[in-house]
């Protein structure tokens, strides 16, 4: 059952990512990106990382996609969509290269035997993507980069507020 769910999520993620790349309307591209992000979050859940899946949905499918849609609607990119004929030879070359890449990837996974090893829970009892393990890593091993990122984000917020206040005064 898990294998079927894994392959269905993977196929849906690949299909929606391809539609995101191939579609000409930017709003539909953003919607296909949302589908891709939810499929990837489902794959995280299958890999016993529910916290990472939740953060993935909140950050990417929530904040970043809303930002993309806001910018797309603000810029009115629909008027810039070009009406040109699709190049059949370019599409065939792209499909051929994608097929070669997928065949090479399948041969690599088959020869290395990592396909079934990825679906097994980690040894040692601790779940890799749990809140406990992520919290321990953030506040022990990666404390300095974590604090550095928070100071960087704080300075960016302060700078944005100062620039917005200066713009309102003038």
N, C-alpha and C. Protein backbone atom coordinates (compact mmCIF):
# COMPACT_ATOMS: atom_id res chain seq x y z
N UNK A 1 0.82 -1.20 0.00
CA UNK A 1 0.00 0.00 0.00
C UNK A 1 0.86 1.26 0.00
N UNK A 2 1.93 1.24 0.81
CA UNK A 2 2.82 2.40 0.88
C UNK A 2 3.54 2.60 -0.45
N UNK A 3 3.91 1.51 -1.09
CA UNK A 3 4.59 1.61 -2.38
C UNK A 3 3.68 2.22 -3.43
N UNK A 4 2.42 1.80 -3.44
CA UNK A 4 1.47 2.35 -4.41
C UNK A 4 1.26 3.84 -4.16
N UNK A 5 1.13 4.21 -2.89
CA UNK A 5 0.96 5.62 -2.55
C UNK A 5 2.20 6.43 -2.91
N UNK A 6 3.38 5.85 -2.66
CA UNK A 6 4.63 6.53 -3.01
C UNK A 6 4.71 6.80 -4.51
N UNK A 7 4.45 5.77 -5.31
CA UNK A 7 4.55 5.94 -6.76
C UNK A 7 3.46 6.86 -7.30
N UNK A 8 2.26 6.81 -6.72
CA UNK A 8 1.22 7.71 -7.21
C UNK A 8 1.55 9.16 -6.87
N UNK A 9 2.07 9.41 -5.67
CA UNK A 9 2.49 10.78 -5.32
C UNK A 9 3.66 11.24 -6.19
N UNK A 10 4.60 10.34 -6.45
CA UNK A 10 5.76 10.70 -7.27
C UNK A 10 5.34 11.01 -8.70
N UNK A 11 4.46 10.19 -9.26
CA UNK A 11 4.00 10.42 -10.63
C UNK A 11 3.19 11.71 -10.71
N UNK A 12 2.33 11.95 -9.73
CA UNK A 12 1.56 13.20 -9.72
C UNK A 12 2.47 14.41 -9.55
N UNK A 13 3.50 14.29 -8.73
CA UNK A 13 4.44 15.40 -8.56
C UNK A 13 5.20 15.69 -9.85
N UNK A 14 5.63 14.65 -10.53
CA UNK A 14 6.35 14.84 -11.80
C UNK A 14 5.43 15.41 -12.86
N UNK A 15 4.20 14.89 -12.93
CA UNK A 15 3.25 15.38 -13.94
C UNK A 15 2.88 16.84 -13.69
N UNK A 16 2.64 17.20 -12.44
CA UNK A 16 2.29 18.60 -12.16
C UNK A 16 3.49 19.52 -12.35
N UNK A 17 4.69 19.03 -12.08
CA UNK A 17 5.89 19.84 -12.35
C UNK A 17 6.08 20.06 -13.85
N UNK A 18 5.80 19.02 -14.63
CA UNK A 18 5.90 19.18 -16.08
C UNK A 18 4.84 20.16 -16.60
N UNK A 19 3.63 20.06 -16.06
CA UNK A 19 2.58 21.00 -16.47
C UNK A 19 2.93 22.43 -16.05
N UNK A 20 3.59 22.56 -14.91
CA UNK A 20 4.01 23.87 -14.45
C UNK A 20 5.01 24.48 -15.43
N UNK A 21 5.89 23.67 -15.95
CA UNK A 21 6.90 24.16 -16.88
C UNK A 21 6.31 24.43 -18.25
N UNK A 22 5.40 23.57 -18.70
CA UNK A 22 4.89 23.66 -20.07
C UNK A 22 3.73 24.63 -20.25
N UNK A 23 3.03 24.98 -19.19
CA UNK A 23 1.86 25.85 -19.33
C UNK A 23 2.29 27.29 -19.53
N UNK A 24 1.53 28.04 -20.33
CA UNK A 24 1.90 29.42 -20.64
C UNK A 24 1.27 30.44 -19.70
N UNK A 25 0.18 30.09 -19.04
CA UNK A 25 -0.48 31.02 -18.14
C UNK A 25 0.22 30.96 -16.77
N UNK A 26 0.78 32.07 -16.29
CA UNK A 26 1.55 32.03 -15.04
C UNK A 26 0.71 31.69 -13.81
N UNK A 27 -0.57 32.02 -13.81
CA UNK A 27 -1.41 31.67 -12.66
C UNK A 27 -1.60 30.16 -12.59
N UNK A 28 -1.84 29.53 -13.73
CA UNK A 28 -1.95 28.07 -13.74
C UNK A 28 -0.62 27.42 -13.36
N UNK A 29 0.49 28.03 -13.76
CA UNK A 29 1.80 27.51 -13.37
C UNK A 29 1.96 27.53 -11.86
N UNK A 30 1.52 28.60 -11.22
CA UNK A 30 1.61 28.67 -9.76
C UNK A 30 0.70 27.63 -9.11
N UNK A 31 -0.47 27.38 -9.69
CA UNK A 31 -1.36 26.36 -9.14
C UNK A 31 -0.76 24.96 -9.29
N UNK A 32 -0.12 24.70 -10.42
CA UNK A 32 0.56 23.41 -10.59
C UNK A 32 1.73 23.28 -9.61
N UNK A 33 2.38 24.40 -9.30
CA UNK A 33 3.45 24.37 -8.30
C UNK A 33 2.90 24.02 -6.92
N UNK A 34 1.70 24.49 -6.59
CA UNK A 34 1.06 24.13 -5.33
C UNK A 34 0.82 22.63 -5.27
N UNK A 35 0.32 22.06 -6.37
CA UNK A 35 0.08 20.61 -6.41
C UNK A 35 1.39 19.85 -6.21
N UNK A 36 2.45 20.33 -6.86
CA UNK A 36 3.76 19.69 -6.71
C UNK A 36 4.23 19.75 -5.26
N UNK A 37 4.06 20.89 -4.62
CA UNK A 37 4.49 21.03 -3.23
C UNK A 37 3.71 20.11 -2.29
N UNK A 38 2.40 19.96 -2.51
CA UNK A 38 1.62 19.05 -1.68
C UNK A 38 2.04 17.60 -1.90
N UNK A 39 2.39 17.23 -3.13
CA UNK A 39 2.86 15.87 -3.40
C UNK A 39 4.20 15.61 -2.71
N UNK A 40 5.08 16.59 -2.76
CA UNK A 40 6.37 16.43 -2.08
C UNK A 40 6.18 16.34 -0.57
N UNK A 41 5.24 17.10 -0.03
CA UNK A 41 4.94 16.99 1.40
C UNK A 41 4.39 15.61 1.73
N UNK A 42 3.59 15.05 0.85
CA UNK A 42 3.10 13.68 1.05
C UNK A 42 4.24 12.68 1.04
N UNK A 43 5.23 12.91 0.20
CA UNK A 43 6.40 12.03 0.18
C UNK A 43 7.19 12.15 1.49
N UNK A 44 7.26 13.35 2.04
CA UNK A 44 7.91 13.52 3.35
C UNK A 44 7.18 12.74 4.44
N UNK A 45 5.86 12.75 4.39
CA UNK A 45 5.08 11.99 5.37
C UNK A 45 5.36 10.50 5.23
N UNK A 46 5.46 10.02 3.99
CA UNK A 46 5.77 8.61 3.78
C UNK A 46 7.17 8.24 4.27
N UNK A 47 8.06 9.21 4.30
CA UNK A 47 9.42 8.97 4.79
C UNK A 47 9.56 9.23 6.28
N UNK A 48 8.43 9.26 6.99
CA UNK A 48 8.38 9.45 8.45
C UNK A 48 8.97 10.79 8.88
N UNK A 49 8.66 11.84 8.14
CA UNK A 49 9.09 13.19 8.50
C UNK A 49 7.88 14.13 8.47
N UNK A 50 6.93 13.94 9.40
CA UNK A 50 5.72 14.77 9.35
C UNK A 50 5.96 16.24 9.66
N UNK A 51 6.94 16.53 10.50
CA UNK A 51 7.22 17.93 10.82
C UNK A 51 7.76 18.66 9.59
N UNK A 52 8.65 18.02 8.87
CA UNK A 52 9.21 18.63 7.66
C UNK A 52 8.11 18.80 6.61
N UNK A 53 7.19 17.84 6.54
CA UNK A 53 6.07 17.97 5.60
C UNK A 53 5.19 19.16 5.96
N UNK A 54 4.91 19.34 7.25
CA UNK A 54 4.08 20.47 7.67
C UNK A 54 4.77 21.80 7.40
N UNK A 55 6.06 21.88 7.69
CA UNK A 55 6.81 23.10 7.42
C UNK A 55 6.87 23.37 5.93
N UNK A 56 7.01 22.32 5.14
CA UNK A 56 7.05 22.45 3.68
C UNK A 56 5.73 23.04 3.17
N UNK A 57 4.62 22.55 3.67
CA UNK A 57 3.32 23.06 3.23
C UNK A 57 3.13 24.50 3.69
N UNK A 58 3.49 24.80 4.93
CA UNK A 58 3.28 26.16 5.45
C UNK A 58 4.16 27.16 4.71
N UNK A 59 5.43 26.83 4.53
CA UNK A 59 6.36 27.78 3.94
C UNK A 59 6.16 27.89 2.43
N UNK A 60 6.18 26.77 1.73
CA UNK A 60 6.13 26.84 0.28
C UNK A 60 4.72 26.99 -0.26
N UNK A 61 3.83 26.09 0.10
CA UNK A 61 2.48 26.16 -0.45
C UNK A 61 1.70 27.32 0.15
N UNK A 62 2.10 27.77 1.31
CA UNK A 62 1.41 28.89 1.93
C UNK A 62 2.01 30.22 1.54
N UNK A 63 3.17 30.51 2.06
CA UNK A 63 3.74 31.85 1.93
C UNK A 63 4.28 32.15 0.54
N UNK A 64 5.10 31.29 0.01
CA UNK A 64 5.78 31.60 -1.24
C UNK A 64 4.83 31.59 -2.42
N UNK A 65 3.88 30.66 -2.45
CA UNK A 65 2.94 30.63 -3.56
C UNK A 65 2.01 31.84 -3.51
N UNK A 66 1.61 32.26 -2.32
CA UNK A 66 0.80 33.47 -2.21
C UNK A 66 1.59 34.67 -2.72
N UNK A 67 2.87 34.73 -2.41
CA UNK A 67 3.72 35.80 -2.91
C UNK A 67 3.82 35.74 -4.44
N UNK A 68 4.02 34.55 -5.00
CA UNK A 68 4.07 34.40 -6.46
C UNK A 68 2.78 34.89 -7.11
N UNK A 69 1.65 34.44 -6.58
CA UNK A 69 0.36 34.84 -7.16
C UNK A 69 0.14 36.34 -7.03
N UNK A 70 0.55 36.92 -5.92
CA UNK A 70 0.42 38.36 -5.74
C UNK A 70 1.23 39.12 -6.78
N UNK A 71 2.47 38.71 -6.99
CA UNK A 71 3.32 39.38 -7.97
C UNK A 71 2.80 39.17 -9.38
N UNK A 72 2.35 37.96 -9.69
CA UNK A 72 1.83 37.68 -11.03
C UNK A 72 0.60 38.54 -11.32
N UNK A 73 -0.31 38.62 -10.36
CA UNK A 73 -1.52 39.41 -10.58
C UNK A 73 -1.21 40.91 -10.60
N UNK A 74 -0.21 41.34 -9.86
CA UNK A 74 0.15 42.74 -9.85
C UNK A 74 0.79 43.16 -11.16
N UNK A 75 1.61 42.28 -11.74
CA UNK A 75 2.31 42.62 -12.98
C UNK A 75 1.46 42.42 -14.22
N UNK A 76 0.34 41.71 -14.11
CA UNK A 76 -0.54 41.41 -15.24
C UNK A 76 0.26 40.78 -16.39
N UNK A 77 0.86 39.64 -16.09
CA UNK A 77 1.70 38.96 -17.07
C UNK A 77 0.89 38.28 -18.17
N UNK A 78 -0.42 38.26 -18.06
CA UNK A 78 -1.23 37.60 -19.07
C UNK A 78 -1.10 38.31 -20.41
N UNK A 79 -0.90 39.62 -20.40
CA UNK A 79 -0.79 40.36 -21.65
C UNK A 79 0.54 40.11 -22.35
N UNK A 80 1.52 39.59 -21.63
CA UNK A 80 2.83 39.35 -22.22
C UNK A 80 3.01 37.95 -22.77
N UNK A 81 1.97 37.13 -22.70
CA UNK A 81 2.08 35.76 -23.20
C UNK A 81 2.19 35.80 -24.72
N UNK A 82 3.24 35.21 -25.24
CA UNK A 82 3.47 35.23 -26.68
C UNK A 82 2.64 34.16 -27.36
N UNK A 83 2.20 34.46 -28.55
CA UNK A 83 1.44 33.52 -29.36
C UNK A 83 2.35 33.01 -30.48
N UNK A 84 3.22 32.10 -30.15
CA UNK A 84 4.08 31.55 -31.18
C UNK A 84 3.81 30.07 -31.32
N UNK A 85 4.13 29.55 -32.48
CA UNK A 85 3.88 28.14 -32.75
C UNK A 85 4.87 27.28 -31.97
N UNK A 86 4.38 26.19 -31.42
CA UNK A 86 5.31 25.30 -30.71
C UNK A 86 6.25 24.61 -31.70
N UNK A 87 7.47 24.51 -31.31
CA UNK A 87 8.47 23.84 -32.15
C UNK A 87 8.43 22.35 -31.85
N UNK A 88 8.03 21.59 -32.83
CA UNK A 88 7.86 20.15 -32.64
C UNK A 88 9.21 19.49 -32.38
N UNK A 89 10.24 19.90 -33.09
CA UNK A 89 11.54 19.27 -32.91
C UNK A 89 12.10 19.54 -31.52
N UNK A 90 11.85 20.73 -30.98
CA UNK A 90 12.34 21.04 -29.64
C UNK A 90 11.60 20.21 -28.59
N UNK A 91 10.31 20.00 -28.79
CA UNK A 91 9.55 19.18 -27.86
C UNK A 91 10.02 17.73 -27.92
N UNK A 92 10.30 17.22 -29.12
CA UNK A 92 10.78 15.84 -29.25
C UNK A 92 12.15 15.66 -28.61
N UNK A 93 13.03 16.64 -28.79
CA UNK A 93 14.35 16.58 -28.16
C UNK A 93 14.21 16.60 -26.64
N UNK A 94 13.33 17.44 -26.12
CA UNK A 94 13.10 17.50 -24.68
C UNK A 94 12.54 16.21 -24.12
N UNK A 95 11.59 15.61 -24.83
CA UNK A 95 11.02 14.33 -24.39
C UNK A 95 12.08 13.24 -24.44
N UNK A 96 12.90 13.25 -25.48
CA UNK A 96 13.97 12.25 -25.58
C UNK A 96 14.99 12.38 -24.47
N UNK A 97 15.40 13.61 -24.16
CA UNK A 97 16.36 13.82 -23.07
C UNK A 97 15.76 13.43 -21.72
N UNK A 98 14.48 13.74 -21.52
CA UNK A 98 13.82 13.35 -20.27
C UNK A 98 13.73 11.83 -20.16
N UNK A 99 13.46 11.16 -21.26
CA UNK A 99 13.39 9.69 -21.24
C UNK A 99 14.75 9.09 -20.92
N UNK A 100 15.81 9.62 -21.53
CA UNK A 100 17.16 9.12 -21.25
C UNK A 100 17.51 9.34 -19.78
N UNK A 101 17.17 10.51 -19.24
CA UNK A 101 17.44 10.80 -17.83
C UNK A 101 16.68 9.85 -16.91
N UNK A 102 15.41 9.60 -17.20
CA UNK A 102 14.63 8.69 -16.37
C UNK A 102 15.14 7.26 -16.44
N UNK A 103 15.57 6.82 -17.62
CA UNK A 103 16.12 5.47 -17.76
C UNK A 103 17.42 5.34 -16.97
N UNK A 104 18.28 6.36 -17.06
CA UNK A 104 19.53 6.32 -16.29
C UNK A 104 19.26 6.33 -14.79
N UNK A 105 18.30 7.11 -14.36
CA UNK A 105 17.94 7.15 -12.95
C UNK A 105 17.38 5.81 -12.49
N UNK A 106 16.54 5.19 -13.30
CA UNK A 106 15.98 3.89 -12.94
C UNK A 106 17.06 2.83 -12.87
N UNK A 107 18.00 2.85 -13.81
CA UNK A 107 19.10 1.88 -13.78
C UNK A 107 19.99 2.09 -12.56
N UNK A 108 20.23 3.34 -12.19
CA UNK A 108 21.04 3.62 -11.01
C UNK A 108 20.37 3.13 -9.74
N UNK A 109 19.07 3.40 -9.60
CA UNK A 109 18.34 2.98 -8.41
C UNK A 109 18.28 1.46 -8.35
N UNK A 110 18.09 0.81 -9.50
CA UNK A 110 18.01 -0.65 -9.53
C UNK A 110 19.35 -1.28 -9.17
N UNK A 111 20.44 -0.70 -9.67
CA UNK A 111 21.75 -1.29 -9.40
C UNK A 111 22.23 -1.03 -7.97
N UNK A 112 21.84 0.12 -7.40
CA UNK A 112 22.32 0.42 -6.05
C UNK A 112 21.42 -0.14 -4.96
N UNK A 113 20.18 -0.48 -5.29
CA UNK A 113 19.28 -1.07 -4.32
C UNK A 113 18.78 -0.09 -3.28
N UNK A 114 18.77 1.20 -3.60
CA UNK A 114 18.33 2.20 -2.62
C UNK A 114 16.84 2.44 -2.66
N UNK A 115 16.13 1.86 -3.60
CA UNK A 115 14.69 2.13 -3.70
C UNK A 115 13.94 1.62 -2.47
N UNK A 116 14.25 0.43 -2.02
CA UNK A 116 13.56 -0.09 -0.84
C UNK A 116 14.17 0.43 0.45
N UNK A 117 15.44 0.78 0.42
CA UNK A 117 16.09 1.30 1.63
C UNK A 117 15.56 2.68 2.01
N UNK A 118 15.12 3.45 1.03
CA UNK A 118 14.60 4.79 1.33
C UNK A 118 13.26 4.74 2.04
N UNK A 119 12.49 3.69 1.81
CA UNK A 119 11.16 3.61 2.41
C UNK A 119 11.18 3.01 3.80
N UNK A 120 12.31 2.51 4.26
CA UNK A 120 12.40 1.91 5.59
C UNK A 120 12.66 2.99 6.63
N UNK A 121 12.08 2.85 7.82
CA UNK A 121 12.36 3.84 8.87
C UNK A 121 13.82 3.74 9.31
N UNK A 122 14.39 4.83 9.79
CA UNK A 122 15.80 4.82 10.18
C UNK A 122 16.03 3.94 11.40
N UNK A 123 17.25 3.40 11.48
CA UNK A 123 17.61 2.56 12.62
C UNK A 123 17.95 3.44 13.81
N UNK A 124 17.80 2.89 15.00
CA UNK A 124 18.13 3.64 16.20
C UNK A 124 16.91 4.19 16.91
N UNK A 125 15.74 4.02 16.34
CA UNK A 125 14.51 4.41 17.01
C UNK A 125 14.09 5.85 16.83
N UNK A 126 15.00 6.77 16.55
CA UNK A 126 14.62 8.17 16.42
C UNK A 126 14.11 8.44 15.01
N UNK A 127 13.04 9.18 14.93
CA UNK A 127 12.51 9.57 13.63
C UNK A 127 13.27 10.81 13.19
N UNK A 128 13.77 10.78 11.96
CA UNK A 128 14.64 11.85 11.49
C UNK A 128 13.91 13.17 11.37
N UNK A 129 12.69 13.17 10.88
CA UNK A 129 11.98 14.42 10.63
C UNK A 129 11.06 14.84 11.75
N UNK A 130 11.25 14.31 12.94
CA UNK A 130 10.36 14.66 14.05
C UNK A 130 10.75 16.01 14.63
N UNK A 131 9.84 16.59 15.39
CA UNK A 131 10.12 17.89 16.00
C UNK A 131 11.24 17.80 17.02
N UNK A 132 11.34 16.67 17.70
CA UNK A 132 12.39 16.50 18.71
C UNK A 132 13.77 16.51 18.06
N UNK A 133 13.93 15.72 16.99
CA UNK A 133 15.25 15.65 16.35
C UNK A 133 15.61 16.95 15.66
N UNK A 134 14.63 17.61 15.02
CA UNK A 134 14.92 18.89 14.37
C UNK A 134 15.26 19.94 15.42
N UNK A 135 14.52 19.97 16.53
CA UNK A 135 14.81 20.92 17.60
C UNK A 135 16.18 20.71 18.22
N UNK A 136 16.54 19.45 18.46
CA UNK A 136 17.87 19.17 19.03
C UNK A 136 18.97 19.62 18.08
N UNK A 137 18.80 19.36 16.78
CA UNK A 137 19.82 19.78 15.83
C UNK A 137 19.91 21.30 15.73
N UNK A 138 18.76 21.98 15.72
CA UNK A 138 18.78 23.44 15.59
C UNK A 138 19.42 24.12 16.79
N UNK A 139 19.20 23.60 17.98
CA UNK A 139 19.69 24.28 19.18
C UNK A 139 20.98 23.70 19.74
N UNK A 140 21.58 22.72 19.06
CA UNK A 140 22.88 22.22 19.49
C UNK A 140 23.90 22.37 18.37
N UNK A 141 23.78 21.56 17.36
CA UNK A 141 24.77 21.55 16.28
C UNK A 141 24.71 22.82 15.43
N UNK A 142 23.50 23.25 15.08
CA UNK A 142 23.34 24.37 14.15
C UNK A 142 22.84 25.63 14.86
N UNK A 143 23.27 25.86 16.09
CA UNK A 143 22.80 27.02 16.85
C UNK A 143 23.30 28.33 16.23
N UNK A 144 24.58 28.40 15.88
CA UNK A 144 25.12 29.65 15.33
C UNK A 144 24.49 30.00 13.98
N UNK A 145 24.40 29.08 13.01
CA UNK A 145 23.73 29.44 11.75
C UNK A 145 22.25 29.80 11.95
N UNK A 146 21.59 29.14 12.90
CA UNK A 146 20.19 29.44 13.19
C UNK A 146 20.03 30.85 13.72
N UNK A 147 20.88 31.24 14.66
CA UNK A 147 20.82 32.59 15.21
C UNK A 147 21.25 33.63 14.18
N UNK A 148 22.22 33.29 13.35
CA UNK A 148 22.65 34.20 12.29
C UNK A 148 21.52 34.46 11.30
N UNK A 149 20.79 33.42 10.95
CA UNK A 149 19.64 33.59 10.05
C UNK A 149 18.56 34.44 10.69
N UNK A 150 18.34 34.27 11.99
CA UNK A 150 17.31 35.08 12.66
C UNK A 150 17.72 36.55 12.72
N UNK A 151 18.99 36.84 12.95
CA UNK A 151 19.46 38.23 12.97
C UNK A 151 19.37 38.83 11.57
N UNK A 152 19.69 38.05 10.55
CA UNK A 152 19.59 38.52 9.17
C UNK A 152 18.15 38.84 8.81
N UNK A 153 17.21 37.97 9.18
CA UNK A 153 15.80 38.24 8.91
C UNK A 153 15.30 39.45 9.69
N UNK A 154 15.75 39.59 10.93
CA UNK A 154 15.35 40.75 11.73
C UNK A 154 15.85 42.05 11.12
N UNK A 155 17.09 42.06 10.64
CA UNK A 155 17.62 43.27 10.01
C UNK A 155 16.90 43.58 8.70
N UNK A 156 16.49 42.56 7.96
CA UNK A 156 15.72 42.79 6.73
C UNK A 156 14.36 43.38 7.04
N UNK A 157 13.71 42.90 8.10
CA UNK A 157 12.41 43.45 8.49
C UNK A 157 12.55 44.90 8.94
N UNK A 158 13.57 45.19 9.73
CA UNK A 158 13.79 46.57 10.18
C UNK A 158 14.07 47.49 8.99
N UNK A 159 14.89 47.03 8.05
CA UNK A 159 15.17 47.82 6.85
C UNK A 159 13.93 48.07 6.02
N UNK A 160 13.07 47.07 5.88
CA UNK A 160 11.84 47.25 5.11
C UNK A 160 10.91 48.25 5.78
N UNK A 161 10.83 48.21 7.10
CA UNK A 161 9.97 49.16 7.83
C UNK A 161 10.52 50.57 7.68
N UNK A 162 11.82 50.75 7.77
CA UNK A 162 12.43 52.08 7.63
C UNK A 162 12.20 52.61 6.22
N UNK A 163 12.40 51.79 5.21
CA UNK A 163 12.17 52.23 3.83
C UNK A 163 10.71 52.57 3.58
N UNK A 164 9.80 51.80 4.15
CA UNK A 164 8.37 52.08 3.97
C UNK A 164 7.98 53.39 4.65
N UNK A 165 8.55 53.67 5.83
CA UNK A 165 8.24 54.93 6.52
C UNK A 165 8.78 56.12 5.75
N UNK A 166 9.99 56.00 5.17
CA UNK A 166 10.56 57.09 4.38
C UNK A 166 9.72 57.35 3.14
N UNK A 167 9.20 56.31 2.53
CA UNK A 167 8.39 56.46 1.33
C UNK A 167 7.05 57.13 1.67
N UNK A 168 6.49 56.84 2.84
CA UNK A 168 5.23 57.45 3.24
C UNK A 168 5.39 58.94 3.54
N UNK A 169 6.55 59.33 4.08
CA UNK A 169 6.78 60.74 4.41
C UNK A 169 6.90 61.60 3.17
N UNK A 170 7.49 61.07 2.12
CA UNK A 170 7.71 61.89 0.92
C UNK A 170 6.57 61.82 -0.06
